[in-house]
């Protein structure tokens, strides 16, 4: 039979303590990444909110201008790149650095294609008479798209560094073994994959906002 002093222990939950313990065990770099992703999310939420507020306040009709077709194509490209980099952890676990190198290289190439398609999308907007210094709604499209590309470029730089290190390690058996057994490389790969999926999801949310408001 339980005594009264045991009752609070049963009522209390260990989940908060466990959550804090898991947070404490997170590597500092991974924690910094989570904080950075939260900050980026807050930035874009504010900007999309301002975009929607401006759109409805001015009473601008939707559908007057066509959303660039290159934006739709770039969405497909980014989804493919997210799928490709999702294979990286499995390939790394198989100690297959040559295939990992190709995986990272393909992701980097697809991200370059995405950035190029975004630029073509801006040119398509200009051809319709939508400029950055024109209507507020159009300016937000340029701003949000450009900010997203800027954050993508940050991920591309990190990915390029990881690709160069993978290429260097794949050229020698000893370096391959050191690379595969290095937990810091595993963490880097997990972080860049997480960031890539985040950037992918962020663009899908922006694209949906453009479809509703532009």
Protein backbone atom coordinates (compact mmCIF):
# COMPACT_ATOMS: atom_id res chain seq x y z
CA UNK A 1 0.00 0.00 0.00
CA UNK A 2 1.39 3.40 -0.96
CA UNK A 3 2.16 5.96 1.71
CA UNK A 4 1.23 9.63 1.46
CA UNK A 5 4.79 10.75 0.89
CA UNK A 6 4.96 8.58 -2.24
CA UNK A 7 1.96 10.28 -3.83
CA UNK A 8 3.76 13.34 -5.22
CA UNK A 9 6.30 11.12 -6.92
CA UNK A 10 3.52 9.35 -8.80
CA UNK A 11 1.75 12.55 -9.74
CA UNK A 12 4.95 14.27 -10.86
CA UNK A 13 6.20 13.45 -14.32
CA UNK A 14 9.78 12.75 -15.27
CA UNK A 15 9.24 13.90 -18.87
CA UNK A 16 10.33 17.53 -18.36
CA UNK A 17 13.49 16.41 -16.58
CA UNK A 18 14.19 13.90 -19.35
CA UNK A 19 13.67 16.58 -21.98
CA UNK A 20 16.14 18.89 -20.24
CA UNK A 21 18.62 16.05 -19.92
CA UNK A 22 18.35 15.34 -23.64
CA UNK A 23 18.94 19.02 -24.38
CA UNK A 24 22.01 19.03 -22.15
CA UNK A 25 23.40 16.03 -24.02
CA UNK A 26 23.06 17.76 -27.39
CA UNK A 27 26.39 18.83 -28.94
CA UNK A 28 26.84 22.62 -28.76
CA UNK A 29 26.96 22.92 -32.56
CA UNK A 30 23.68 21.06 -32.93
CA UNK A 31 22.08 23.25 -30.26
CA UNK A 32 23.32 26.34 -32.13
CA UNK A 33 21.76 24.96 -35.30
CA UNK A 34 18.38 24.52 -33.60
CA UNK A 35 18.54 28.07 -32.24
CA UNK A 36 19.48 29.35 -35.69
CA UNK A 37 16.60 27.48 -37.34
CA UNK A 38 14.20 28.94 -34.76
CA UNK A 39 15.49 32.43 -35.55
CA UNK A 40 15.16 31.91 -39.31
CA UNK A 41 11.62 30.60 -38.84
CA UNK A 42 10.67 33.65 -36.76
CA UNK A 43 12.13 35.98 -39.41
CA UNK A 44 10.16 34.43 -42.25
CA UNK A 45 6.96 34.21 -40.21
CA UNK A 46 7.18 37.96 -39.56
CA UNK A 47 7.90 38.72 -43.21
CA UNK A 48 5.11 36.51 -44.54
CA UNK A 49 2.76 38.09 -41.99
CA UNK A 50 3.78 41.54 -43.21
CA UNK A 51 3.29 40.37 -46.79
CA UNK A 52 -0.24 39.15 -46.05
CA UNK A 53 -1.08 42.28 -44.05
CA UNK A 54 0.12 44.55 -46.87
CA UNK A 55 -1.73 42.51 -49.46
CA UNK A 56 -5.08 42.66 -47.66
CA UNK A 57 -4.68 46.23 -46.45
CA UNK A 58 -4.14 47.56 -49.97
CA UNK A 59 -6.95 45.38 -51.29
CA UNK A 60 -4.74 44.22 -54.14
CA UNK A 61 -6.48 41.47 -56.15
CA UNK A 62 -4.79 38.08 -56.39
CA UNK A 63 -4.06 36.39 -59.69
CA UNK A 64 -3.43 39.57 -61.70
CA UNK A 65 0.14 38.41 -62.39
CA UNK A 66 1.17 34.85 -63.00
CA UNK A 67 3.55 33.28 -60.50
CA UNK A 68 6.79 32.48 -62.37
CA UNK A 69 6.86 28.99 -63.82
CA UNK A 70 10.51 28.79 -62.83
CA UNK A 71 9.42 28.94 -59.18
CA UNK A 72 7.37 25.78 -59.71
CA UNK A 73 10.26 24.07 -61.45
CA UNK A 74 12.69 25.12 -58.73
CA UNK A 75 10.37 23.58 -56.13
CA UNK A 76 10.68 20.21 -57.83
CA UNK A 77 14.46 20.57 -58.02
CA UNK A 78 14.72 21.39 -54.31
CA UNK A 79 12.52 18.42 -53.39
CA UNK A 80 14.78 16.14 -55.41
CA UNK A 81 17.87 17.58 -53.69
CA UNK A 82 16.27 16.95 -50.30
CA UNK A 83 15.61 13.33 -51.28
CA UNK A 84 19.20 12.90 -52.50
CA UNK A 85 20.82 14.25 -49.33
CA UNK A 86 18.47 12.11 -47.22
CA UNK A 87 20.41 9.10 -48.55
CA UNK A 88 23.69 10.44 -47.17
CA UNK A 89 23.35 9.01 -43.65
CA UNK A 90 22.61 5.53 -45.00
CA UNK A 91 25.58 5.72 -47.37
CA UNK A 92 27.85 6.96 -44.58
CA UNK A 93 26.77 4.03 -42.39
CA UNK A 94 27.86 1.69 -45.20
CA UNK A 95 31.37 3.24 -45.19
CA UNK A 96 30.96 4.07 -48.87
CA UNK A 97 32.77 7.40 -49.25
CA UNK A 98 32.86 7.43 -53.09
CA UNK A 99 29.06 7.14 -53.20
CA UNK A 100 28.74 9.68 -50.40
CA UNK A 101 30.89 12.06 -52.41
CA UNK A 102 28.60 11.68 -55.42
CA UNK A 103 25.54 12.15 -53.19
CA UNK A 104 26.86 15.40 -51.74
CA UNK A 105 28.02 16.57 -55.16
CA UNK A 106 24.59 15.91 -56.67
CA UNK A 107 22.92 17.83 -53.85
CA UNK A 108 25.26 20.77 -54.39
CA UNK A 109 24.61 20.72 -58.13
CA UNK A 110 20.84 20.63 -57.63
CA UNK A 111 21.03 23.54 -55.21
CA UNK A 112 22.94 25.55 -57.83
CA UNK A 113 20.19 24.74 -60.34
CA UNK A 114 17.58 25.87 -57.80
CA UNK A 115 19.34 29.20 -57.27
CA UNK A 116 19.61 29.69 -61.04
CA UNK A 117 15.90 28.98 -61.49
CA UNK A 118 15.09 31.54 -58.82
CA UNK A 119 17.01 34.18 -60.77
CA UNK A 120 15.13 33.20 -63.92
CA UNK A 121 11.91 33.52 -61.92
CA UNK A 122 12.86 37.09 -60.99
CA UNK A 123 13.46 37.86 -64.65
CA UNK A 124 10.04 36.42 -65.45
CA UNK A 125 8.51 38.76 -62.88
CA UNK A 126 10.28 41.72 -64.45
CA UNK A 127 8.96 40.72 -67.86
CA UNK A 128 5.43 41.01 -66.40
CA UNK A 129 6.17 44.49 -65.09
CA UNK A 130 6.63 43.43 -61.45
CA UNK A 131 9.71 45.12 -59.97
CA UNK A 132 11.24 45.25 -56.52
CA UNK A 133 10.47 48.96 -56.20
CA UNK A 134 6.96 48.59 -57.57
CA UNK A 135 3.87 47.22 -55.85
CA UNK A 136 4.39 46.11 -52.27
CA UNK A 137 3.12 42.61 -52.92
CA UNK A 138 5.64 42.07 -55.71
CA UNK A 139 8.47 43.49 -53.60
CA UNK A 140 7.76 40.92 -50.88
CA UNK A 141 8.06 38.12 -53.43
CA UNK A 142 11.53 39.33 -54.40
CA UNK A 143 12.52 39.84 -50.77
CA UNK A 144 11.34 36.45 -49.51
CA UNK A 145 12.76 34.57 -52.47
CA UNK A 146 16.13 36.35 -52.21
CA UNK A 147 16.36 35.77 -48.45
CA UNK A 148 15.62 32.09 -48.97
CA UNK A 149 18.36 31.85 -51.62
CA UNK A 150 20.77 33.60 -49.23
CA UNK A 151 20.08 31.02 -46.53
CA UNK A 152 20.44 28.27 -49.11
CA UNK A 153 23.85 29.66 -50.10
CA UNK A 154 24.95 29.36 -46.47
CA UNK A 155 24.02 25.69 -46.52
CA UNK A 156 25.76 25.25 -49.87
CA UNK A 157 28.99 26.64 -48.44
CA UNK A 158 28.86 24.18 -45.53
CA UNK A 159 28.01 21.38 -47.96
CA UNK A 160 30.94 22.31 -50.21
CA UNK A 161 33.37 22.11 -47.29
CA UNK A 162 32.00 18.69 -46.31
CA UNK A 163 32.21 17.53 -49.93
CA UNK A 164 35.87 18.58 -50.19
CA UNK A 165 36.71 16.75 -46.97
CA UNK A 166 34.86 13.66 -48.16
CA UNK A 167 36.72 13.76 -51.49
CA UNK A 168 40.04 14.13 -49.67
CA UNK A 169 39.27 11.22 -47.33
CA UNK A 170 38.04 8.94 -50.13
CA UNK A 171 41.42 9.14 -51.86
CA UNK A 172 43.22 7.16 -49.16
CA UNK A 173 42.27 4.08 -47.15
CA UNK A 174 43.65 5.37 -43.85
CA UNK A 175 41.94 8.75 -44.23
CA UNK A 176 38.73 6.93 -45.13
CA UNK A 177 38.87 4.93 -41.90
CA UNK A 178 39.55 8.06 -39.83
CA UNK A 179 36.73 9.92 -41.58
CA UNK A 180 34.21 7.14 -41.05
CA UNK A 181 35.11 6.66 -37.39
CA UNK A 182 35.06 10.39 -36.61
CA UNK A 183 31.83 11.23 -34.71
CA UNK A 184 32.28 14.90 -35.63
CA UNK A 185 31.90 14.05 -39.34
CA UNK A 186 28.74 12.10 -38.55
CA UNK A 187 27.42 15.14 -36.69
CA UNK A 188 28.28 17.44 -39.60
CA UNK A 189 26.44 15.21 -42.01
CA UNK A 190 23.39 15.03 -39.74
CA UNK A 191 23.39 18.82 -39.35
CA UNK A 192 23.65 19.61 -43.05
CA UNK A 193 20.88 17.09 -43.80
CA UNK A 194 18.62 18.65 -41.18
CA UNK A 195 19.35 22.14 -42.50
CA UNK A 196 18.59 21.03 -46.05
CA UNK A 197 15.22 19.58 -45.10
CA UNK A 198 14.46 22.78 -43.22
CA UNK A 199 15.31 24.94 -46.24
CA UNK A 200 13.15 22.65 -48.39
CA UNK A 201 10.16 22.93 -46.05
CA UNK A 202 10.66 26.69 -45.78
CA UNK A 203 10.51 27.13 -49.54
CA UNK A 204 7.37 24.99 -49.81
CA UNK A 205 5.71 27.24 -47.21
CA UNK A 206 6.80 30.36 -49.11
CA UNK A 207 5.63 28.91 -52.40
CA UNK A 208 2.21 28.19 -50.88
CA UNK A 209 2.05 31.79 -49.60
CA UNK A 210 2.90 33.08 -53.07
CA UNK A 211 0.14 30.97 -54.61
CA UNK A 212 -2.40 32.39 -52.16
CA UNK A 213 -1.36 36.03 -52.14
CA UNK A 214 0.37 36.88 -55.42
